[in-house]
């Protein structure tokens, strides 16, 4: 359902002003414009492009909460990245070339080594698409050259999001 946060999520992050909701916090994300390269021959956004937008939204979410660029956070935390392991999307309205839209992201719902983020793309205040992605905090596995393994999301990362609630 649009506007429903996953269990444990603390709020929407948005550049789109809405009425305050109890227990909700926001970090402004940049407004977004739909470009020609996002669109299919019919002139509407090609569905996989929304996943790219949500990936960028996740990066902005972490950069704003932590106050550092992603590359600096990865280096400081010794993390390789946070690959997507599950994704779903609901499409409610089209978005087309030239549309001014707003990306929203709910603060992460942290598991142990994973976190879930709900994203929404709005046009003129109406939800066009809602996506849910699950990502895993991943580090190099020293026991396997070139290998990766999941690791618990550090408490200081979790705290940076909790402090904004």
N, C-alpha and C. Protein backbone atom coordinates (compact mmCIF):
# COMPACT_ATOMS: atom_id res chain seq x y z
N UNK A 1 0.84 -1.19 0.00
CA UNK A 1 0.00 0.00 0.00
C UNK A 1 0.88 1.24 0.00
N UNK A 2 0.52 2.20 -0.78
CA UNK A 2 1.27 3.45 -0.83
C UNK A 2 1.23 4.11 0.53
N UNK A 3 2.39 4.55 0.98
CA UNK A 3 2.47 5.26 2.24
C UNK A 3 2.65 4.37 3.45
N UNK A 4 2.58 3.05 3.27
CA UNK A 4 2.76 2.15 4.39
C UNK A 4 4.22 1.77 4.48
N UNK A 5 4.80 1.94 5.65
CA UNK A 5 6.20 1.65 5.84
C UNK A 5 6.37 0.22 6.32
N UNK A 6 7.50 -0.42 5.98
CA UNK A 6 7.74 -1.75 6.51
C UNK A 6 7.88 -1.69 8.02
N UNK A 7 7.64 -2.80 8.66
CA UNK A 7 7.75 -2.87 10.11
C UNK A 7 9.12 -2.37 10.56
N UNK A 8 9.15 -1.45 11.51
CA UNK A 8 10.40 -0.94 12.04
C UNK A 8 10.95 0.27 11.31
N UNK A 9 10.43 0.61 10.14
CA UNK A 9 10.93 1.78 9.42
C UNK A 9 10.52 3.03 10.18
N UNK A 10 11.38 4.03 10.18
CA UNK A 10 11.11 5.20 11.00
C UNK A 10 10.58 6.39 10.23
N UNK A 11 10.51 6.36 8.92
CA UNK A 11 9.88 7.50 8.26
C UNK A 11 10.29 7.69 6.82
N UNK A 12 9.58 8.58 6.15
CA UNK A 12 9.86 8.89 4.75
C UNK A 12 10.92 9.96 4.66
N UNK A 13 11.76 9.82 3.67
CA UNK A 13 12.76 10.82 3.36
C UNK A 13 12.32 11.45 2.06
N UNK A 14 12.17 12.75 2.02
CA UNK A 14 11.56 13.34 0.84
C UNK A 14 11.93 14.79 0.67
N UNK A 15 11.93 15.23 -0.58
CA UNK A 15 12.06 16.64 -0.89
C UNK A 15 10.68 17.23 -1.14
N UNK A 16 9.66 16.41 -1.06
CA UNK A 16 8.29 16.81 -1.33
C UNK A 16 7.60 17.11 -0.01
N UNK A 17 7.24 18.35 0.21
CA UNK A 17 6.61 18.72 1.48
C UNK A 17 5.21 18.15 1.58
N UNK A 18 4.96 17.49 2.68
CA UNK A 18 3.63 16.97 2.97
C UNK A 18 3.34 17.25 4.43
N UNK A 19 2.11 17.00 4.83
CA UNK A 19 1.77 17.19 6.24
C UNK A 19 2.64 16.29 7.09
N UNK A 20 3.04 16.78 8.24
CA UNK A 20 3.86 15.99 9.14
C UNK A 20 3.07 14.77 9.61
N UNK A 21 3.76 13.64 9.69
CA UNK A 21 3.16 12.42 10.19
C UNK A 21 3.86 12.08 11.50
N UNK A 22 3.13 11.61 12.50
CA UNK A 22 3.75 11.29 13.78
C UNK A 22 4.88 10.28 13.60
N UNK A 23 6.03 10.53 14.22
CA UNK A 23 7.15 9.62 14.19
C UNK A 23 7.88 9.55 12.86
N UNK A 24 7.62 10.49 11.97
CA UNK A 24 8.22 10.45 10.64
C UNK A 24 9.28 11.53 10.53
N UNK A 25 10.37 11.20 9.89
CA UNK A 25 11.40 12.21 9.62
C UNK A 25 11.69 12.23 8.14
N UNK A 26 12.27 13.32 7.68
CA UNK A 26 12.61 13.48 6.27
C UNK A 26 14.02 14.03 6.12
N UNK A 27 14.70 13.55 5.10
CA UNK A 27 15.93 14.16 4.62
C UNK A 27 15.62 14.57 3.19
N UNK A 28 15.86 15.80 2.79
CA UNK A 28 15.49 16.19 1.43
C UNK A 28 16.32 15.47 0.38
N UNK A 29 15.65 14.85 -0.57
CA UNK A 29 16.30 14.27 -1.74
C UNK A 29 16.05 15.23 -2.89
N UNK A 30 16.96 15.29 -3.81
CA UNK A 30 16.84 16.22 -4.92
C UNK A 30 15.63 15.89 -5.78
N UNK A 31 15.00 16.94 -6.30
CA UNK A 31 13.95 16.75 -7.29
C UNK A 31 14.60 16.09 -8.51
N UNK A 32 13.83 15.40 -9.28
CA UNK A 32 14.35 14.62 -10.38
C UNK A 32 13.57 14.96 -11.64
N UNK A 33 14.23 14.97 -12.78
CA UNK A 33 13.53 15.21 -14.04
C UNK A 33 13.71 13.98 -14.92
N UNK A 34 12.61 13.54 -15.50
CA UNK A 34 12.66 12.38 -16.39
C UNK A 34 13.32 12.82 -17.70
N UNK A 35 14.37 12.12 -18.07
CA UNK A 35 15.13 12.44 -19.27
C UNK A 35 14.78 11.48 -20.40
N UNK A 36 15.15 11.85 -21.62
CA UNK A 36 14.87 11.06 -22.81
C UNK A 36 15.38 9.62 -22.65
N UNK A 37 16.57 9.46 -22.12
CA UNK A 37 17.17 8.13 -21.98
C UNK A 37 16.45 7.22 -20.99
N UNK A 38 15.58 7.77 -20.17
CA UNK A 38 14.80 6.95 -19.24
C UNK A 38 13.61 6.30 -19.93
N UNK A 39 13.27 6.79 -21.13
CA UNK A 39 11.99 6.44 -21.75
C UNK A 39 12.10 5.40 -22.86
N UNK A 40 10.98 4.70 -23.06
CA UNK A 40 10.86 3.75 -24.15
C UNK A 40 10.31 4.48 -25.39
N UNK A 41 10.12 3.78 -26.50
CA UNK A 41 9.62 4.47 -27.70
C UNK A 41 8.25 5.15 -27.53
N UNK A 42 7.47 4.72 -26.54
CA UNK A 42 6.17 5.36 -26.30
C UNK A 42 6.32 6.67 -25.53
N UNK A 43 7.55 6.96 -25.08
CA UNK A 43 7.79 8.22 -24.36
C UNK A 43 7.56 8.14 -22.87
N UNK A 44 7.27 6.94 -22.34
CA UNK A 44 7.11 6.79 -20.89
C UNK A 44 8.34 6.07 -20.33
N UNK A 45 8.54 6.19 -19.03
CA UNK A 45 9.72 5.59 -18.41
C UNK A 45 9.69 4.08 -18.57
N UNK A 46 10.79 3.55 -19.09
CA UNK A 46 11.00 2.12 -19.23
C UNK A 46 11.19 1.57 -17.81
N UNK A 47 10.41 0.56 -17.43
CA UNK A 47 10.32 0.10 -16.05
C UNK A 47 11.67 -0.13 -15.36
N UNK A 48 12.66 -0.77 -15.99
CA UNK A 48 13.94 -0.97 -15.29
C UNK A 48 14.65 0.33 -14.89
N UNK A 49 14.33 1.43 -15.56
CA UNK A 49 14.95 2.71 -15.21
C UNK A 49 14.52 3.17 -13.82
N UNK A 50 13.32 2.78 -13.40
CA UNK A 50 12.89 3.12 -12.04
C UNK A 50 13.82 2.48 -11.02
N UNK A 51 14.28 1.26 -11.29
CA UNK A 51 15.20 0.59 -10.36
C UNK A 51 16.52 1.36 -10.27
N UNK A 52 16.98 1.91 -11.39
CA UNK A 52 18.18 2.74 -11.37
C UNK A 52 17.95 3.98 -10.49
N UNK A 53 16.77 4.60 -10.65
CA UNK A 53 16.45 5.78 -9.84
C UNK A 53 16.41 5.42 -8.37
N UNK A 54 15.84 4.26 -8.04
CA UNK A 54 15.77 3.84 -6.64
C UNK A 54 17.17 3.53 -6.10
N UNK A 55 18.04 2.99 -6.94
CA UNK A 55 19.43 2.76 -6.52
C UNK A 55 20.12 4.07 -6.18
N UNK A 56 19.92 5.09 -7.01
CA UNK A 56 20.48 6.41 -6.72
C UNK A 56 19.86 7.00 -5.45
N UNK A 57 18.58 6.76 -5.27
CA UNK A 57 17.88 7.24 -4.08
C UNK A 57 18.50 6.63 -2.82
N UNK A 58 18.85 5.34 -2.89
CA UNK A 58 19.49 4.68 -1.75
C UNK A 58 20.83 5.32 -1.44
N UNK A 59 21.60 5.62 -2.47
CA UNK A 59 22.89 6.27 -2.27
C UNK A 59 22.70 7.64 -1.62
N UNK A 60 21.75 8.43 -2.14
CA UNK A 60 21.49 9.75 -1.56
C UNK A 60 21.05 9.62 -0.10
N UNK A 61 20.22 8.64 0.17
CA UNK A 61 19.73 8.40 1.53
C UNK A 61 20.90 8.19 2.50
N UNK A 62 21.82 7.32 2.14
CA UNK A 62 22.97 7.04 3.00
C UNK A 62 23.90 8.25 3.08
N UNK A 63 24.15 8.90 1.96
CA UNK A 63 25.04 10.07 1.99
C UNK A 63 24.48 11.16 2.89
N UNK A 64 23.18 11.41 2.83
CA UNK A 64 22.59 12.45 3.66
C UNK A 64 22.57 12.06 5.13
N UNK A 65 22.27 10.82 5.43
CA UNK A 65 22.21 10.39 6.83
C UNK A 65 23.60 10.35 7.46
N UNK A 66 24.61 9.94 6.69
CA UNK A 66 25.95 9.78 7.24
C UNK A 66 26.82 11.01 7.05
N UNK A 67 26.41 11.90 6.13
CA UNK A 67 27.17 13.13 5.92
C UNK A 67 28.46 12.95 5.14
N UNK A 68 28.61 11.81 4.45
CA UNK A 68 29.79 11.56 3.62
C UNK A 68 29.36 10.92 2.31
N UNK A 69 30.22 11.05 1.30
CA UNK A 69 29.97 10.42 0.01
C UNK A 69 30.04 8.91 0.15
N UNK A 70 29.33 8.21 -0.71
CA UNK A 70 29.29 6.74 -0.63
C UNK A 70 30.69 6.14 -0.69
N UNK A 71 31.51 6.60 -1.62
CA UNK A 71 32.85 6.02 -1.75
C UNK A 71 33.66 6.18 -0.48
N UNK A 72 33.48 7.32 0.22
CA UNK A 72 34.21 7.54 1.47
C UNK A 72 33.66 6.66 2.58
N UNK A 73 32.34 6.46 2.60
CA UNK A 73 31.72 5.59 3.59
C UNK A 73 32.18 4.15 3.38
N UNK A 74 32.21 3.70 2.14
CA UNK A 74 32.64 2.33 1.85
C UNK A 74 34.07 2.11 2.34
N UNK A 75 34.94 3.07 2.05
CA UNK A 75 36.34 2.95 2.46
C UNK A 75 36.46 2.97 3.99
N UNK A 76 35.80 3.90 4.64
CA UNK A 76 35.89 4.03 6.10
C UNK A 76 35.32 2.81 6.83
N UNK A 77 34.27 2.22 6.27
CA UNK A 77 33.61 1.08 6.92
C UNK A 77 34.21 -0.26 6.49
N UNK A 78 35.08 -0.26 5.47
CA UNK A 78 35.64 -1.51 4.97
C UNK A 78 34.59 -2.39 4.30
N UNK A 79 33.57 -1.75 3.76
CA UNK A 79 32.49 -2.49 3.12
C UNK A 79 32.66 -2.42 1.60
N UNK A 80 32.36 -3.51 0.92
CA UNK A 80 32.45 -3.56 -0.53
C UNK A 80 31.26 -2.84 -1.14
N UNK A 81 30.11 -2.98 -0.52
CA UNK A 81 28.90 -2.34 -1.01
C UNK A 81 27.68 -2.94 -0.34
N UNK A 82 26.51 -2.65 -0.90
CA UNK A 82 25.29 -3.25 -0.40
C UNK A 82 24.42 -3.65 -1.59
N UNK A 83 24.74 -4.81 -2.17
CA UNK A 83 24.01 -5.26 -3.35
C UNK A 83 22.55 -5.57 -3.05
N UNK A 84 21.73 -5.41 -4.08
CA UNK A 84 20.31 -5.70 -3.98
C UNK A 84 20.12 -7.21 -4.09
N UNK A 85 19.35 -7.78 -3.18
CA UNK A 85 19.08 -9.22 -3.21
C UNK A 85 17.61 -9.54 -3.45
N UNK A 86 16.75 -8.54 -3.33
CA UNK A 86 15.33 -8.73 -3.60
C UNK A 86 14.74 -7.38 -3.97
N UNK A 87 13.79 -7.39 -4.90
CA UNK A 87 13.18 -6.14 -5.34
C UNK A 87 11.76 -6.42 -5.83
N UNK A 88 10.89 -5.46 -5.60
CA UNK A 88 9.54 -5.52 -6.16
C UNK A 88 9.11 -4.10 -6.47
N UNK A 89 8.14 -3.97 -7.37
CA UNK A 89 7.64 -2.64 -7.73
C UNK A 89 6.17 -2.73 -8.10
N UNK A 90 5.47 -1.63 -7.81
CA UNK A 90 4.07 -1.47 -8.21
C UNK A 90 3.98 -0.20 -9.05
N UNK A 91 3.38 -0.32 -10.21
CA UNK A 91 3.27 0.81 -11.13
C UNK A 91 1.83 1.29 -11.13
N UNK A 92 1.63 2.58 -10.78
CA UNK A 92 0.28 3.11 -10.65
C UNK A 92 -0.06 4.17 -11.69
N UNK A 93 0.95 4.96 -12.10
CA UNK A 93 0.74 6.03 -13.09
C UNK A 93 2.01 6.13 -13.93
N UNK A 94 1.87 6.52 -15.19
CA UNK A 94 3.07 6.67 -16.00
C UNK A 94 3.83 7.96 -15.66
N UNK A 95 5.11 7.94 -15.93
CA UNK A 95 5.94 9.14 -15.91
C UNK A 95 6.58 9.22 -17.29
N UNK A 96 6.71 10.43 -17.81
CA UNK A 96 7.15 10.59 -19.19
C UNK A 96 8.27 11.62 -19.29
N UNK A 97 8.89 11.65 -20.48
CA UNK A 97 9.98 12.57 -20.77
C UNK A 97 9.60 14.00 -20.37
N UNK A 98 10.48 14.64 -19.61
CA UNK A 98 10.29 16.03 -19.20
C UNK A 98 9.55 16.21 -17.89
N UNK A 99 8.94 15.14 -17.37
CA UNK A 99 8.20 15.26 -16.11
C UNK A 99 9.14 15.61 -14.95
N UNK A 100 8.69 16.52 -14.12
CA UNK A 100 9.38 16.82 -12.86
C UNK A 100 8.77 15.90 -11.81
N UNK A 101 9.60 15.09 -11.19
CA UNK A 101 9.12 14.13 -10.21
C UNK A 101 9.91 14.26 -8.91
N UNK A 102 9.42 13.63 -7.89
CA UNK A 102 10.09 13.61 -6.59
C UNK A 102 10.32 12.16 -6.19
N UNK A 103 11.54 11.87 -5.78
CA UNK A 103 11.85 10.56 -5.24
C UNK A 103 11.75 10.63 -3.73
N UNK A 104 11.11 9.63 -3.14
CA UNK A 104 11.04 9.51 -1.69
C UNK A 104 11.61 8.16 -1.30
N UNK A 105 12.19 8.10 -0.13
CA UNK A 105 12.69 6.83 0.40
C UNK A 105 12.44 6.78 1.89
N UNK A 106 11.92 5.66 2.35
CA UNK A 106 11.75 5.46 3.79
C UNK A 106 13.12 5.12 4.38
N UNK A 107 13.35 5.56 5.58
CA UNK A 107 14.59 5.19 6.26
C UNK A 107 14.68 3.67 6.32
N UNK A 108 15.89 3.12 6.26
CA UNK A 108 16.03 1.66 6.20
C UNK A 108 15.42 0.95 7.40
N UNK A 109 14.83 -0.19 7.12
CA UNK A 109 14.38 -1.12 8.14
C UNK A 109 15.50 -2.15 8.24
N UNK A 110 16.32 -2.04 9.28
CA UNK A 110 17.50 -2.89 9.40
C UNK A 110 17.16 -4.25 9.98
N UNK A 111 17.72 -5.28 9.33
CA UNK A 111 17.74 -6.63 9.87
C UNK A 111 19.12 -6.79 10.50
N UNK A 112 19.71 -7.95 10.39
CA UNK A 112 21.06 -8.15 10.89
C UNK A 112 22.06 -7.62 9.86
N UNK A 113 22.19 -8.33 8.74
CA UNK A 113 23.11 -7.89 7.69
C UNK A 113 22.37 -7.26 6.52
N UNK A 114 21.07 -7.23 6.60
CA UNK A 114 20.29 -6.69 5.49
C UNK A 114 19.50 -5.47 5.93
N UNK A 115 19.01 -4.74 4.94
CA UNK A 115 18.09 -3.63 5.21
C UNK A 115 17.14 -3.50 4.04
N UNK A 116 15.94 -3.06 4.35
CA UNK A 116 14.89 -2.89 3.36
C UNK A 116 14.54 -1.41 3.27
N UNK A 117 14.40 -0.92 2.04
CA UNK A 117 14.04 0.48 1.82
C UNK A 117 12.84 0.50 0.87
N UNK A 118 11.85 1.30 1.23
CA UNK A 118 10.70 1.53 0.37
C UNK A 118 10.90 2.86 -0.34
N UNK A 119 10.78 2.85 -1.66
CA UNK A 119 10.94 4.04 -2.49
C UNK A 119 9.61 4.37 -3.15
N UNK A 120 9.40 5.66 -3.39
CA UNK A 120 8.25 6.09 -4.16
C UNK A 120 8.70 7.20 -5.11
N UNK A 121 8.12 7.21 -6.28
CA UNK A 121 8.33 8.29 -7.23
C UNK A 121 6.98 8.95 -7.43
N UNK A 122 6.92 10.28 -7.17
CA UNK A 122 5.67 11.03 -7.27
C UNK A 122 5.76 12.08 -8.36
N UNK A 123 4.63 12.31 -9.00
CA UNK A 123 4.50 13.38 -9.99
C UNK A 123 3.28 14.18 -9.57
N UNK A 124 3.48 15.48 -9.34
CA UNK A 124 2.39 16.37 -8.92
C UNK A 124 1.67 15.80 -7.69
N UNK A 125 2.45 15.21 -6.77
CA UNK A 125 1.88 14.69 -5.53
C UNK A 125 1.23 13.33 -5.63
N UNK A 126 1.20 12.73 -6.82
CA UNK A 126 0.58 11.42 -7.01
C UNK A 126 1.67 10.36 -7.18
N UNK A 127 1.49 9.22 -6.53
CA UNK A 127 2.46 8.15 -6.63
C UNK A 127 2.38 7.51 -8.01
N UNK A 128 3.51 7.48 -8.70
CA UNK A 128 3.60 6.81 -10.00
C UNK A 128 4.07 5.36 -9.83
N UNK A 129 5.08 5.19 -9.01
CA UNK A 129 5.62 3.86 -8.78
C UNK A 129 6.13 3.77 -7.35
N UNK A 130 5.97 2.60 -6.76
CA UNK A 130 6.50 2.32 -5.43
C UNK A 130 7.35 1.06 -5.55
N UNK A 131 8.53 1.11 -5.01
CA UNK A 131 9.44 -0.03 -5.07
C UNK A 131 9.97 -0.38 -3.69
N UNK A 132 10.22 -1.65 -3.48
CA UNK A 132 10.80 -2.13 -2.23
C UNK A 132 12.05 -2.91 -2.60
N UNK A 133 13.16 -2.53 -2.00
CA UNK A 133 14.40 -3.25 -2.26
C UNK A 133 15.00 -3.72 -0.95
N UNK A 134 15.58 -4.90 -1.01
CA UNK A 134 16.31 -5.44 0.13
C UNK A 134 17.76 -5.54 -0.29
N UNK A 135 18.64 -5.00 0.55
CA UNK A 135 20.07 -4.98 0.27
C UNK A 135 20.82 -5.64 1.43
N UNK A 136 22.04 -6.09 1.14
CA UNK A 136 22.86 -6.77 2.14
C UNK A 136 24.18 -6.04 2.28
N UNK A 137 24.57 -5.75 3.53
CA UNK A 137 25.85 -5.13 3.86
C UNK A 137 26.92 -6.18 3.58
N UNK A 138 27.83 -5.89 2.63
CA UNK A 138 28.75 -6.90 2.13
C UNK A 138 30.20 -6.45 2.30
N UNK A 139 31.01 -7.38 2.80
CA UNK A 139 32.44 -7.13 3.00
C UNK A 139 33.23 -8.21 2.26
N UNK A 140 34.52 -7.95 2.08
CA UNK A 140 35.40 -8.94 1.46
C UNK A 140 35.57 -10.11 2.42
N UNK A 141 35.59 -11.31 1.87
CA UNK A 141 35.79 -12.52 2.67
C UNK A 141 37.26 -12.92 2.56
N UNK A 142 38.02 -12.67 3.61
CA UNK A 142 39.47 -12.94 3.59
C UNK A 142 39.78 -14.42 3.40
N UNK A 143 38.84 -15.30 3.73
CA UNK A 143 39.09 -16.73 3.59
C UNK A 143 38.93 -17.23 2.15
N UNK A 144 38.36 -16.39 1.29
CA UNK A 144 38.17 -16.74 -0.12
C UNK A 144 38.61 -15.57 -0.98
N UNK A 145 39.77 -15.66 -1.62
CA UNK A 145 40.23 -14.55 -2.46
C UNK A 145 39.15 -14.15 -3.48
N UNK A 146 38.81 -12.86 -3.47
CA UNK A 146 37.77 -12.36 -4.36
C UNK A 146 36.36 -12.65 -3.87
N UNK A 147 36.24 -13.34 -2.74
CA UNK A 147 34.93 -13.70 -2.22
C UNK A 147 34.31 -12.58 -1.40
N UNK A 148 33.02 -12.66 -1.22
CA UNK A 148 32.27 -11.69 -0.43
C UNK A 148 31.46 -12.44 0.62
N UNK A 149 31.10 -11.70 1.68
CA UNK A 149 30.21 -12.26 2.69
C UNK A 149 29.39 -11.14 3.31
N UNK A 150 28.24 -11.52 3.80
CA UNK A 150 27.38 -10.56 4.49
C UNK A 150 27.94 -10.34 5.89
N UNK A 151 27.75 -9.12 6.39
CA UNK A 151 28.18 -8.78 7.75
C UNK A 151 27.13 -7.88 8.37
N UNK A 152 27.01 -7.93 9.68
CA UNK A 152 26.02 -7.11 10.38
C UNK A 152 26.24 -5.63 10.03
N UNK A 153 25.14 -4.93 9.75
CA UNK A 153 25.22 -3.49 9.53
C UNK A 153 25.72 -2.88 10.83
N UNK A 154 26.81 -2.11 10.78
CA UNK A 154 27.39 -1.57 12.01
C UNK A 154 26.40 -0.71 12.80
N UNK A 155 26.52 -0.80 14.12
CA UNK A 155 25.63 -0.05 15.00
C UNK A 155 25.73 1.46 14.76
N UNK A 156 26.93 1.97 14.42
CA UNK A 156 27.06 3.41 14.18
C UNK A 156 26.29 3.85 12.93
N UNK A 157 26.16 2.96 11.96
CA UNK A 157 25.35 3.27 10.76
C UNK A 157 23.88 3.31 11.15
N UNK A 158 23.44 2.32 11.88
CA UNK A 158 22.05 2.28 12.35
C UNK A 158 21.74 3.52 13.18
N UNK A 159 22.67 3.91 14.03
CA UNK A 159 22.46 5.07 14.91
C UNK A 159 22.31 6.36 14.12
N UNK A 160 23.00 6.48 13.00
CA UNK A 160 22.90 7.70 12.19
C UNK A 160 21.48 7.89 11.66
N UNK A 161 20.81 6.81 11.33
CA UNK A 161 19.42 6.90 10.88
C UNK A 161 18.49 7.10 12.07
N UNK A 162 18.74 6.42 13.16
CA UNK A 162 17.88 6.54 14.35
C UNK A 162 17.94 7.95 14.92
N UNK A 163 19.10 8.62 14.82
CA UNK A 163 19.22 9.96 15.37
C UNK A 163 18.41 10.99 14.59
N UNK A 164 17.97 10.64 13.40
CA UNK A 164 17.18 11.56 12.58
C UNK A 164 15.68 11.33 12.77
N UNK A 165 15.33 10.34 13.56
CA UNK A 165 13.90 10.06 13.78
C UNK A 165 13.27 11.11 14.64
